[in-house]
Each structure stands twice: as C-alpha cells, then as structure tokens.
Amino acid sequence: MIAWLQLIISIPFLLIGLWTLCCSVLGVFRFKYVLNRMHAAAMGDSLGILFILIGLMILSGFSFGTLKLALIVLFFWVAGPVSSHMIANMEVTVNEELEKECEVPEDGTV
C-alpha cells in the first residue's frame, strides 16, 4: 500500500521535471542569441532536475539514498547558477558585437 502511494505521489514530480527539461531543450534550439539559450538551459536544468530528484526521493522512501539525492539537489542549485553567471559574464565581456545581437529599446529604457 505504501509503495503504491509513493508511486502515485512521485509520478507528477517526475512528469513535471521531464516536461521542464523538454521545454528547456526546445528553448535551447529555438533561441538565437547565446545568452537566451544559456538562460533556457540553466533554468530548465535547475527546475527539471529539482522536480525529478524530488520524485525519486519520494519513490525511494526515507533512506540513505534520499539523503544523497538531497545533497545532489543542493549541489545543482548552488553550482548551476554560479556557473551560468560566470559564462554569461564571459560572453558579455568578450563579445565585441553585443549591441548588434541584443535588442535595445528606442527610448533607452530597459
């Protein structure tokens, strides 16, 4: 009975995580500018991995494996945004044609 309940609760988390990762892949292929593609990949990975690992934690029950999955979530949530920020900062610093690739409003507001 408990195993069925764990399965029923974990399936929506796994499906939401899978849907998020699929949307992230779609965003990576559809966006033209590298920073937009990177944003889609970083947000999709963070949220998709979170939901999938929460679903796996529910499915595995309370065990040592659950603690390992929680530590993986913590690592991804700390390392992902930091590495994305570093790559974006490098792109802005190195790209000489940044103004040509970015859309700037006519009135100068952001």
PDB file of N, CA and C in Angstrom:
ATOM      1  N   MET A   1       0.820  -1.196   0.000  1.00  0.00           N
ATOM      2  CA  MET A   1       0.000   0.000   0.000  1.00  0.00           C
ATOM      3  C   MET A   1       0.874   1.275   0.000  1.00  0.00           C
ATOM      4  N   ILE A   2       1.923   1.261   0.824  1.00  0.00           N
ATOM      5  CA  ILE A   2       2.815   2.422   0.903  1.00  0.00           C
ATOM      6  C   ILE A   2       3.547   2.616  -0.429  1.00  0.00           C
ATOM      7  N   ALA A   3       3.951   1.517  -1.055  1.00  0.00           N
ATOM      8  CA  ALA A   3       4.680   1.614  -2.320  1.00  0.00           C
ATOM      9  C   ALA A   3       3.796   2.235  -3.400  1.00  0.00           C
ATOM     10  N   TRP A   4       2.528   1.880  -3.439  1.00  0.00           N
ATOM     11  CA  TRP A   4       1.611   2.474  -4.424  1.00  0.00           C
ATOM     12  C   TRP A   4       1.416   3.955  -4.157  1.00  0.00           C
ATOM     13  N   LEU A   5       1.314   4.329  -2.888  1.00  0.00           N
ATOM     14  CA  LEU A   5       1.153   5.741  -2.525  1.00  0.00           C
ATOM     15  C   LEU A   5       2.386   6.542  -2.920  1.00  0.00           C
ATOM     16  N   GLN A   6       3.576   5.978  -2.683  1.00  0.00           N
ATOM     17  CA  GLN A   6       4.809   6.651  -3.094  1.00  0.00           C
ATOM     18  C   GLN A   6       4.856   6.821  -4.606  1.00  0.00           C
ATOM     19  N   LEU A   7       4.425   5.796  -5.331  1.00  0.00           N
ATOM     20  CA  LEU A   7       4.427   5.856  -6.787  1.00  0.00           C
ATOM     21  C   LEU A   7       3.448   6.915  -7.290  1.00  0.00           C
ATOM     22  N   ILE A   8       2.266   6.963  -6.706  1.00  0.00           N
ATOM     23  CA  ILE A   8       1.253   7.936  -7.132  1.00  0.00           C
ATOM     24  C   ILE A   8       1.701   9.362  -6.843  1.00  0.00           C
ATOM     25  N   ILE A   9       2.372   9.579  -5.727  1.00  0.00           N
ATOM     26  CA  ILE A   9       2.839  10.928  -5.385  1.00  0.00           C
ATOM     27  C   ILE A   9       4.057  11.320  -6.220  1.00  0.00           C
ATOM     28  N   SER A  10       4.936  10.370  -6.525  1.00  0.00           N
ATOM     29  CA  SER A  10       6.179  10.714  -7.230  1.00  0.00           C
ATOM     30  C   SER A  10       5.982  10.898  -8.729  1.00  0.00           C
ATOM     31  N   ILE A  11       4.994  10.267  -9.336  1.00  0.00           N
ATOM     32  CA  ILE A  11       4.803  10.370 -10.787  1.00  0.00           C
ATOM     33  C   ILE A  11       4.573  11.810 -11.246  1.00  0.00           C
ATOM     34  N   PRO A  12       3.729  12.627 -10.577  1.00  0.00           N
ATOM     35  CA  PRO A  12       3.602  14.028 -11.045  1.00  0.00           C
ATOM     36  C   PRO A  12       4.909  14.812 -10.988  1.00  0.00           C
ATOM     37  N   PHE A  13       5.714  14.586  -9.964  1.00  0.00           N
ATOM     38  CA  PHE A  13       7.003  15.280  -9.886  1.00  0.00           C
ATOM     39  C   PHE A  13       7.914  14.870 -11.038  1.00  0.00           C
ATOM     40  N   LEU A  14       7.940  13.580 -11.341  1.00  0.00           N
ATOM     41  CA  LEU A  14       8.776  13.104 -12.448  1.00  0.00           C
ATOM     42  C   LEU A  14       8.283  13.648 -13.784  1.00  0.00           C
ATOM     43  N   LEU A  15       6.975  13.695 -13.978  1.00  0.00           N
ATOM     44  CA  LEU A  15       6.434  14.211 -15.239  1.00  0.00           C
ATOM     45  C   LEU A  15       6.669  15.712 -15.389  1.00  0.00           C
ATOM     46  N   ILE A  16       6.516  16.471 -14.308  1.00  0.00           N
ATOM     47  CA  ILE A  16       6.783  17.912 -14.365  1.00  0.00           C
ATOM     48  C   ILE A  16       8.263  18.162 -14.658  1.00  0.00           C
ATOM     49  N   GLY A  17       9.139  17.388 -14.043  1.00  0.00           N
ATOM     50  CA  GLY A  17      10.568  17.525 -14.318  1.00  0.00           C
ATOM     51  C   GLY A  17      10.907  17.179 -15.751  1.00  0.00           C
ATOM     52  N   LEU A  18      10.295  16.134 -16.280  1.00  0.00           N
ATOM     53  CA  LEU A  18      10.529  15.754 -17.673  1.00  0.00           C
ATOM     54  C   LEU A  18      10.007  16.824 -18.621  1.00  0.00           C
ATOM     55  N   TRP A  19       8.834  17.367 -18.334  1.00  0.00           N
ATOM     56  CA  TRP A  19       8.260  18.427 -19.165  1.00  0.00           C
ATOM     57  C   TRP A  19       9.147  19.673 -19.136  1.00  0.00           C
ATOM     58  N   THR A  20       9.657  20.025 -17.972  1.00  0.00           N
ATOM     59  CA  THR A  20      10.528  21.191 -17.846  1.00  0.00           C
ATOM     60  C   THR A  20      11.817  21.009 -18.649  1.00  0.00           C
ATOM     61  N   LEU A  21      12.404  19.839 -18.567  1.00  0.00           N
ATOM     62  CA  LEU A  21      13.631  19.581 -19.331  1.00  0.00           C
ATOM     63  C   LEU A  21      13.367  19.589 -20.828  1.00  0.00           C
ATOM     64  N   CYS A  22      12.212  19.077 -21.259  1.00  0.00           N
ATOM     65  CA  CYS A  22      11.878  19.110 -22.689  1.00  0.00           C
ATOM     66  C   CYS A  22      11.675  20.550 -23.167  1.00  0.00           C
ATOM     67  N   CYS A  23      11.021  21.374 -22.369  1.00  0.00           N
ATOM     68  CA  CYS A  23      10.866  22.791 -22.727  1.00  0.00           C
ATOM     69  C   CYS A  23      12.216  23.494 -22.765  1.00  0.00           C
ATOM     70  N   SER A  24      13.118  23.114 -21.883  1.00  0.00           N
ATOM     71  CA  SER A  24      14.455  23.695 -21.877  1.00  0.00           C
ATOM     72  C   SER A  24      15.203  23.348 -23.157  1.00  0.00           C
ATOM     73  N   VAL A  25      15.098  22.119 -23.588  1.00  0.00           N
ATOM     74  CA  VAL A  25      15.754  21.709 -24.834  1.00  0.00           C
ATOM     75  C   VAL A  25      15.153  22.472 -26.015  1.00  0.00           C
ATOM     76  N   LEU A  26      13.849  22.639 -26.021  1.00  0.00           N
ATOM     77  CA  LEU A  26      13.193  23.405 -27.076  1.00  0.00           C
ATOM     78  C   LEU A  26      13.691  24.848 -27.084  1.00  0.00           C
ATOM     79  N   GLY A  27      13.839  25.457 -25.904  1.00  0.00           N
ATOM     80  CA  GLY A  27      14.344  26.818 -25.811  1.00  0.00           C
ATOM     81  C   GLY A  27      15.779  26.944 -26.294  1.00  0.00           C
ATOM     82  N   VAL A  28      16.591  25.931 -26.019  1.00  0.00           N
ATOM     83  CA  VAL A  28      17.983  25.964 -26.476  1.00  0.00           C
ATOM     84  C   VAL A  28      18.052  25.943 -27.997  1.00  0.00           C
ATOM     85  N   PHE A  29      17.168  25.197 -28.632  1.00  0.00           N
ATOM     86  CA  PHE A  29      17.198  25.121 -30.092  1.00  0.00           C
ATOM     87  C   PHE A  29      16.472  26.275 -30.775  1.00  0.00           C
ATOM     88  N   ARG A  30      15.512  26.914 -30.102  1.00  0.00           N
ATOM     89  CA  ARG A  30      14.721  27.963 -30.743  1.00  0.00           C
ATOM     90  C   ARG A  30      15.340  29.354 -30.612  1.00  0.00           C
ATOM     91  N   PHE A  31      15.982  29.647 -29.483  1.00  0.00           N
ATOM     92  CA  PHE A  31      16.544  30.976 -29.292  1.00  0.00           C
ATOM     93  C   PHE A  31      17.784  31.153 -30.153  1.00  0.00           C
ATOM     94  N   LYS A  32      17.994  32.400 -30.605  1.00  0.00           N
ATOM     95  CA  LYS A  32      19.124  32.674 -31.491  1.00  0.00           C
ATOM     96  C   LYS A  32      20.359  33.160 -30.741  1.00  0.00           C
ATOM     97  N   TYR A  33      20.165  33.983 -29.721  1.00  0.00           N
ATOM     98  CA  TYR A  33      21.299  34.583 -29.030  1.00  0.00           C
ATOM     99  C   TYR A  33      21.796  33.655 -27.924  1.00  0.00           C
ATOM    100  N   VAL A  34      23.097  33.611 -27.726  1.00  0.00           N
ATOM    101  CA  VAL A  34      23.716  32.649 -26.821  1.00  0.00           C
ATOM    102  C   VAL A  34      23.264  32.847 -25.370  1.00  0.00           C
ATOM    103  N   LEU A  35      23.060  34.081 -24.932  1.00  0.00           N
ATOM    104  CA  LEU A  35      22.631  34.295 -23.552  1.00  0.00           C
ATOM    105  C   LEU A  35      21.201  33.823 -23.326  1.00  0.00           C
ATOM    106  N   ASN A  36      20.341  33.964 -24.330  1.00  0.00           N
ATOM    107  CA  ASN A  36      18.976  33.443 -24.207  1.00  0.00           C
ATOM    108  C   ASN A  36      18.985  31.919 -24.159  1.00  0.00           C
ATOM    109  N   ARG A  37      19.803  31.305 -24.990  1.00  0.00           N
ATOM    110  CA  ARG A  37      19.903  29.845 -24.978  1.00  0.00           C
ATOM    111  C   ARG A  37      20.451  29.354 -23.646  1.00  0.00           C
ATOM    112  N   MET A  38      21.442  30.068 -23.134  1.00  0.00           N
ATOM    113  CA  MET A  38      22.025  29.663 -21.868  1.00  0.00           C
ATOM    114  C   MET A  38      21.033  29.805 -20.723  1.00  0.00           C
ATOM    115  N   HIS A  39      20.219  30.861 -20.758  1.00  0.00           N
ATOM    116  CA  HIS A  39      19.206  31.058 -19.720  1.00  0.00           C
ATOM    117  C   HIS A  39      18.183  29.925 -19.756  1.00  0.00           C
ATOM    118  N   ALA A  40      17.742  29.547 -20.946  1.00  0.00           N
ATOM    119  CA  ALA A  40      16.779  28.450 -21.066  1.00  0.00           C
ATOM    120  C   ALA A  40      17.379  27.148 -20.537  1.00  0.00           C
ATOM    121  N   ALA A  41      18.620  26.905 -20.851  1.00  0.00           N
ATOM    122  CA  ALA A  41      19.267  25.675 -20.388  1.00  0.00           C
ATOM    123  C   ALA A  41      19.463  25.679 -18.875  1.00  0.00           C
ATOM    124  N   ALA A  42      19.892  26.794 -18.322  1.00  0.00           N
ATOM    125  CA  ALA A  42      20.173  26.854 -16.887  1.00  0.00           C
ATOM    126  C   ALA A  42      18.898  26.755 -16.054  1.00  0.00           C
ATOM    127  N   MET A  43      17.867  27.479 -16.448  1.00  0.00           N
ATOM    128  CA  MET A  43      16.614  27.428 -15.686  1.00  0.00           C
ATOM    129  C   MET A  43      15.943  26.069 -15.830  1.00  0.00           C
ATOM    130  N   GLY A  44      15.986  25.531 -17.030  1.00  0.00           N
ATOM    131  CA  GLY A  44      15.384  24.219 -17.237  1.00  0.00           C
ATOM    132  C   GLY A  44      16.092  23.127 -16.462  1.00  0.00           C
ATOM    133  N   ASP A  45      17.422  23.190 -16.470  1.00  0.00           N
ATOM    134  CA  ASP A  45      18.172  22.182 -15.728  1.00  0.00           C
ATOM    135  C   ASP A  45      17.914  22.280 -14.232  1.00  0.00           C
ATOM    136  N   SER A  46      17.945  23.487 -13.700  1.00  0.00           N
ATOM    137  CA  SER A  46      17.746  23.646 -12.258  1.00  0.00           C
ATOM    138  C   SER A  46      16.365  23.159 -11.828  1.00  0.00           C
ATOM    139  N   LEU A  47      15.342  23.614 -12.517  1.00  0.00           N
ATOM    140  CA  LEU A  47      13.986  23.247 -12.128  1.00  0.00           C
ATOM    141  C   LEU A  47      13.674  21.803 -12.493  1.00  0.00           C
ATOM    142  N   GLY A  48      14.087  21.360 -13.674  1.00  0.00           N
ATOM    143  CA  GLY A  48      13.811  19.986 -14.086  1.00  0.00           C
ATOM    144  C   GLY A  48      14.496  18.968 -13.195  1.00  0.00           C
ATOM    145  N   ILE A  49      15.759  19.209 -12.882  1.00  0.00           N
ATOM    146  CA  ILE A  49      16.489  18.287 -12.008  1.00  0.00           C
ATOM    147  C   ILE A  49      15.886  18.296 -10.611  1.00  0.00           C
ATOM    148  N   LEU A  50      15.447  19.458 -10.133  1.00  0.00           N
ATOM    149  CA  LEU A  50      14.823  19.537  -8.819  1.00  0.00           C
ATOM    150  C   LEU A  50      13.590  18.646  -8.763  1.00  0.00           C
ATOM    151  N   PHE A  51      12.686  18.789  -9.728  1.00  0.00           N
ATOM    152  CA  PHE A  51      11.454  18.006  -9.707  1.00  0.00           C
ATOM    153  C   PHE A  51      11.725  16.512  -9.877  1.00  0.00           C
ATOM    154  N   ILE A  52      12.648  16.152 -10.758  1.00  0.00           N
ATOM    155  CA  ILE A  52      12.942  14.737 -10.952  1.00  0.00           C
ATOM    156  C   ILE A  52      13.556  14.126  -9.695  1.00  0.00           C
ATOM    157  N   LEU A  53      14.472  14.839  -9.071  1.00  0.00           N
ATOM    158  CA  LEU A  53      15.092  14.287  -7.862  1.00  0.00           C
ATOM    159  C   LEU A  53      14.128  14.263  -6.679  1.00  0.00           C
ATOM    160  N   ILE A  54      13.199  15.216  -6.600  1.00  0.00           N
ATOM    161  CA  ILE A  54      12.166  15.143  -5.556  1.00  0.00           C
ATOM    162  C   ILE A  54      11.287  13.922  -5.784  1.00  0.00           C
ATOM    163  N   GLY A  55      10.917  13.672  -7.042  1.00  0.00           N
ATOM    164  CA  GLY A  55      10.143  12.472  -7.341  1.00  0.00           C
ATOM    165  C   GLY A  55      10.896  11.198  -6.987  1.00  0.00           C
ATOM    166  N   LEU A  56      12.190  11.165  -7.259  1.00  0.00           N
ATOM    167  CA  LEU A  56      12.988   9.989  -6.907  1.00  0.00           C
ATOM    168  C   LEU A  56      13.144   9.847  -5.400  1.00  0.00           C
ATOM    169  N   MET A  57      13.237  10.971  -4.684  1.00  0.00           N
ATOM    170  CA  MET A  57      13.328  10.896  -3.221  1.00  0.00           C
ATOM    171  C   MET A  57      12.041  10.329  -2.630  1.00  0.00           C
ATOM    172  N   ILE A  58      10.897  10.754  -3.164  1.00  0.00           N
ATOM    173  CA  ILE A  58       9.621  10.213  -2.687  1.00  0.00           C
ATOM    174  C   ILE A  58       9.524   8.735  -3.027  1.00  0.00           C
ATOM    175  N   LEU A  59       9.969   8.364  -4.196  1.00  0.00           N
ATOM    176  CA  LEU A  59       9.886   6.973  -4.646  1.00  0.00           C
ATOM    177  C   LEU A  59      10.802   6.060  -3.830  1.00  0.00           C
ATOM    178  N   SER A  60      11.963   6.552  -3.440  1.00  0.00           N
ATOM    179  CA  SER A  60      12.893   5.698  -2.692  1.00  0.00           C
ATOM    180  C   SER A  60      12.559   5.617  -1.206  1.00  0.00           C
ATOM    181  N   GLY A  61      11.729   6.517  -0.709  1.00  0.00           N
ATOM    182  CA  GLY A  61      11.397   6.490   0.715  1.00  0.00           C
ATOM    183  C   GLY A  61      12.496   7.122   1.541  1.00  0.00           C
ATOM    184  N   PHE A  62      12.350   7.024   2.856  1.00  0.00           N
ATOM    185  CA  PHE A  62      13.332   7.606   3.762  1.00  0.00           C
ATOM    186  C   PHE A  62      14.482   6.627   3.934  1.00  0.00           C
ATOM    187  N   SER A  63      15.623   6.956   3.323  1.00  0.00           N
ATOM    188  CA  SER A  63      16.789   6.083   3.410  1.00  0.00           C
ATOM    189  C   SER A  63      18.038   6.937   3.203  1.00  0.00           C
ATOM    190  N   PHE A  64      19.179   6.267   3.196  1.00  0.00           N
ATOM    191  CA  PHE A  64      20.429   6.968   2.951  1.00  0.00           C
ATOM    192  C   PHE A  64      20.491   7.488   1.524  1.00  0.00           C
ATOM    193  N   GLY A  65      19.849   6.777   0.611  1.00  0.00           N
ATOM    194  CA  GLY A  65      19.791   7.226  -0.781  1.00  0.00           C
ATOM    195  C   GLY A  65      19.038   8.542  -0.923  1.00  0.00           C
ATOM    196  N   THR A  66      18.027   8.756  -0.094  1.00  0.00           N
ATOM    197  CA  THR A  66      17.287  10.015  -0.112  1.00  0.00           C
ATOM    198  C   THR A  66      18.182  11.176   0.301  1.00  0.00           C
ATOM    199  N   LEU A  67      19.021  10.948   1.282  1.00  0.00           N
ATOM    200  CA  LEU A  67      19.966  11.984   1.702  1.00  0.00           C
ATOM    201  C   LEU A  67      20.949  12.308   0.581  1.00  0.00           C
ATOM    202  N   LYS A  68      21.404  11.291  -0.128  1.00  0.00           N
ATOM    203  CA  LYS A  68      22.312  11.515  -1.259  1.00  0.00           C
ATOM    204  C   LYS A  68      21.622  12.336  -2.346  1.00  0.00           C
ATOM    205  N   LEU A  69      20.358  12.021  -2.640  1.00  0.00           N
ATOM    206  CA  LEU A  69      19.620  12.784  -3.655  1.00  0.00           C
ATOM    207  C   LEU A  69      19.420  14.231  -3.218  1.00  0.00           C
ATOM    208  N   ALA A  70      19.164  14.451  -1.925  1.00  0.00           N
ATOM    209  CA  ALA A  70      19.016  15.819  -1.422  1.00  0.00           C
ATOM    210  C   ALA A  70      20.324  16.594  -1.551  1.00  0.00           C
ATOM    211  N   LEU A  71      21.441  15.942  -1.326  1.00  0.00           N
ATOM    212  CA  LEU A  71      22.737  16.607  -1.492  1.00  0.00           C
ATOM    213  C   LEU A  71      23.022  16.917  -2.959  1.00  0.00           C
ATOM    214  N   ILE A  72      22.571  16.050  -3.861  1.00  0.00           N
ATOM    215  CA  ILE A  72      22.722  16.329  -5.291  1.00  0.00           C
ATOM    216  C   ILE A  72      21.898  17.546  -5.678  1.00  0.00           C
ATOM    217  N   VAL A  73      20.666  17.647  -5.157  1.00  0.00           N
ATOM    218  CA  VAL A  73      19.824  18.826  -5.422  1.00  0.00           C
ATOM    219  C   VAL A  73      20.516  20.080  -4.921  1.00  0.00           C
ATOM    220  N   LEU A  74      21.046  20.025  -3.715  1.00  0.00           N
ATOM    221  CA  LEU A  74      21.744  21.178  -3.146  1.00  0.00           C
ATOM    222  C   LEU A  74      22.937  21.572  -4.004  1.00  0.00           C
ATOM    223  N   PHE A  75      23.713  20.598  -4.456  1.00  0.00           N
ATOM    224  CA  PHE A  75      24.873  20.891  -5.292  1.00  0.00           C
ATOM    225  C   PHE A  75      24.452  21.543  -6.606  1.00  0.00           C
ATOM    226  N   PHE A  76      23.429  20.991  -7.272  1.00  0.00           N
ATOM    227  CA  PHE A  76      22.987  21.566  -8.536  1.00  0.00           C
ATOM    228  C   PHE A  76      22.429  22.969  -8.354  1.00  0.00           C
ATOM    229  N   TRP A  77      21.732  23.216  -7.246  1.00  0.00           N
ATOM    230  CA  TRP A  77      21.153  24.535  -7.033  1.00  0.00           C
ATOM    231  C   TRP A  77      22.198  25.573  -6.657  1.00  0.00           C
ATOM    232  N   VAL A  78      23.355  25.148  -6.187  1.00  0.00           N
ATOM    233  CA  VAL A  78      24.432  26.090  -5.895  1.00  0.00           C
ATOM    234  C   VAL A  78      25.348  26.249  -7.109  1.00  0.00           C
ATOM    235  N   ALA A  79      25.722  25.151  -7.740  1.00  0.00           N
ATOM    236  CA  ALA A  79      26.703  25.196  -8.828  1.00  0.00           C
ATOM    237  C   ALA A  79      26.115  25.694 -10.140  1.00  0.00           C
ATOM    238  N   GLY A  80      24.864  25.382 -10.427  1.00  0.00           N
ATOM    239  CA  GLY A  80      24.260  25.755 -11.703  1.00  0.00           C
ATOM    240  C   GLY A  80      24.191  27.256 -11.935  1.00  0.00           C
ATOM    241  N   PRO A  81      23.567  28.011 -11.042  1.00  0.00           N
ATOM    242  CA  PRO A  81      23.505  29.461 -11.262  1.00  0.00           C
ATOM    243  C   PRO A  81      24.866  30.149 -11.249  1.00  0.00           C
ATOM    244  N   VAL A  82      25.786  29.662 -10.437  1.00  0.00           N
ATOM    245  CA  VAL A  82      27.115  30.277 -10.384  1.00  0.00           C
ATOM    246  C   VAL A  82      27.847  30.069 -11.709  1.00  0.00           C
ATOM    247  N   SER A  83      27.806  28.853 -12.232  1.00  0.00           N
ATOM    248  CA  SER A  83      28.494  28.603 -13.495  1.00  0.00           C
ATOM    249  C   SER A  83      27.801  29.327 -14.650  1.00  0.00           C
ATOM    250  N   SER A  84      26.478  29.414 -14.633  1.00  0.00           N
ATOM    251  CA  SER A  84      25.764  30.159 -15.680  1.00  0.00           C
ATOM    252  C   SER A  84      26.117  31.638 -15.644  1.00  0.00           C
ATOM    253  N   HIS A  85      26.219  32.190 -14.454  1.00  0.00           N
ATOM    254  CA  HIS A  85      26.586  33.601 -14.321  1.00  0.00           C
ATOM    255  C   HIS A  85      27.999  33.838 -14.834  1.00  0.00           C
ATOM    256  N   MET A  86      28.909  32.930 -14.535  1.00  0.00           N
ATOM    257  CA  MET A  86      30.285  33.097 -14.996  1.00  0.00           C
ATOM    258  C   MET A  86      30.376  33.028 -16.519  1.00  0.00           C
ATOM    259  N   ILE A  87      29.634  32.114 -17.134  1.00  0.00           N
ATOM    260  CA  ILE A  87      29.646  32.003 -18.592  1.00  0.00           C
ATOM    261  C   ILE A  87      29.014  33.239 -19.219  1.00  0.00           C
ATOM    262  N   ALA A  88      27.900  33.732 -18.652  1.00  0.00           N
ATOM    263  CA  ALA A  88      27.250  34.934 -19.187  1.00  0.00           C
ATOM    264  C   ALA A  88      28.158  36.146 -19.045  1.00  0.00           C
ATOM    265  N   ASN A  89      28.836  36.264 -17.932  1.00  0.00           N
ATOM    266  CA  ASN A  89      29.758  37.383 -17.719  1.00  0.00           C
ATOM    267  C   ASN A  89      30.898  37.328 -18.738  1.00  0.00           C
ATOM    268  N   MET A  90      31.392  36.132 -19.020  1.00  0.00           N
ATOM    269  CA  MET A  90      32.438  35.987 -20.022  1.00  0.00           C
ATOM    270  C   MET A  90      31.926  36.369 -21.406  1.00  0.00           C
ATOM    271  N   GLU A  91      30.709  35.981 -21.738  1.00  0.00           N
ATOM    272  CA  GLU A  91      30.137  36.316 -23.048  1.00  0.00           C
ATOM    273  C   GLU A  91      29.979  37.833 -23.202  1.00  0.00           C
ATOM    274  N   VAL A  92      29.492  38.495 -22.175  1.00  0.00           N
ATOM    275  CA  VAL A  92      29.314  39.946 -22.237  1.00  0.00           C
ATOM    276  C   VAL A  92      30.654  40.654 -22.322  1.00  0.00           C
ATOM    277  N   THR A  93      31.657  40.146 -21.634  1.00  0.00           N
ATOM    278  CA  THR A  93      32.975  40.775 -21.635  1.00  0.00           C
ATOM    279  C   THR A  93      33.706  40.575 -22.956  1.00  0.00           C
ATOM    280  N   VAL A  94      33.610  39.402 -23.544  1.00  0.00           N
ATOM    281  CA  VAL A  94      34.406  39.059 -24.719  1.00  0.00           C
ATOM    282  C   VAL A  94      33.718  39.439 -26.032  1.00  0.00           C
ATOM    283  N   ASN A  95      32.404  39.377 -26.088  1.00  0.00           N
ATOM    284  CA  ASN A  95      31.688  39.594 -27.344  1.00  0.00           C
ATOM    285  C   ASN A  95      31.762  41.055 -27.761  1.00  0.00           C
ATOM    286  N   GLU A  96      32.390  41.306 -28.899  1.00  0.00           N
ATOM    287  CA  GLU A  96      32.532  42.676 -29.380  1.00  0.00           C
ATOM    288  C   GLU A  96      31.291  43.155 -30.124  1.00  0.00           C
ATOM    289  N   GLU A  97      30.456  42.248 -30.569  1.00  0.00           N
ATOM    290  CA  GLU A  97      29.249  42.597 -31.318  1.00  0.00           C
ATOM    291  C   GLU A  97      27.996  42.434 -30.471  1.00  0.00           C
ATOM    292  N   LEU A  98      28.099  42.728 -29.185  1.00  0.00           N
ATOM    293  CA  LEU A  98      26.987  42.528 -28.261  1.00  0.00           C
ATOM    294  C   LEU A  98      25.805  43.428 -28.596  1.00  0.00           C
ATOM    295  N   GLU A  99      26.059  44.680 -28.964  1.00  0.00           N
ATOM    296  CA  GLU A  99      24.979  45.613 -29.273  1.00  0.00           C
ATOM    297  C   GLU A  99      24.209  45.178 -30.517  1.00  0.00           C
ATOM    298  N   LYS A 100      24.892  44.542 -31.448  1.00  0.00           N
ATOM    299  CA  LYS A 100      24.236  44.097 -32.664  1.00  0.00           C
ATOM    300  C   LYS A 100      23.319  42.898 -32.388  1.00  0.00           C
ATOM    301  N   GLU A 101      23.689  42.054 -31.435  1.00  0.00           N
ATOM    302  CA  GLU A 101      22.920  40.862 -31.147  1.00  0.00           C
ATOM    303  C   GLU A 101      21.792  41.098 -30.150  1.00  0.00           C
ATOM    304  N   CYS A 102      21.887  42.152 -29.346  1.00  0.00           N
ATOM    305  CA  CYS A 102      20.866  42.441 -28.346  1.00  0.00           C
ATOM    306  C   CYS A 102      19.900  43.490 -28.878  1.00  0.00           C
ATOM    307  N   GLU A 103      18.658  43.398 -28.435  1.00  0.00           N
ATOM    308  CA  GLU A 103      17.661  44.397 -28.809  1.00  0.00           C
ATOM    309  C   GLU A 103      17.665  45.507 -27.776  1.00  0.00           C
ATOM    310  N   VAL A 104      17.858  46.730 -28.221  1.00  0.00           N
ATOM    311  CA  VAL A 104      17.857  47.894 -27.344  1.00  0.00           C
ATOM    312  C   VAL A 104      16.613  48.717 -27.683  1.00  0.00           C
ATOM    313  N   PRO A 105      15.787  49.063 -26.674  1.00  0.00           N
ATOM    314  CA  PRO A 105      14.600  49.874 -26.949  1.00  0.00           C
ATOM    315  C   PRO A 105      14.960  51.254 -27.520  1.00  0.00           C
ATOM    316  N   GLU A 106      14.074  51.807 -28.319  1.00  0.00           N
ATOM    317  CA  GLU A 106      14.318  53.106 -28.959  1.00  0.00           C
ATOM    318  C   GLU A 106      14.422  54.242 -27.949  1.00  0.00           C
ATOM    319  N   ASP A 107      13.606  54.207 -26.892  1.00  0.00           N
ATOM    320  CA  ASP A 107      13.597  55.306 -25.933  1.00  0.00           C
ATOM    321  C   ASP A 107      14.685  55.183 -24.862  1.00  0.00           C
ATOM    322  N   GLY A 108      15.468  54.118 -24.901  1.00  0.00           N
ATOM    323  CA  GLY A 108      16.581  53.989 -23.976  1.00  0.00           C
ATOM    324  C   GLY A 108      16.214  53.344 -22.652  1.00  0.00           C
ATOM    325  N   THR A 109      14.942  52.997 -22.419  1.00  0.00           N
ATOM    326  CA  THR A 109      14.569  52.352 -21.178  1.00  0.00           C
ATOM    327  C   THR A 109      14.828  50.866 -21.282  1.00  0.00           C
ATOM    328  N   VAL A 110      15.045  50.273 -20.154  1.00  0.00           N
ATOM    329  CA  VAL A 110      15.326  48.833 -20.130  1.00  0.00           C
ATOM    330  C   VAL A 110      14.111  48.075 -19.668  1.00  0.00           C
TER     331      VAL A 110
END
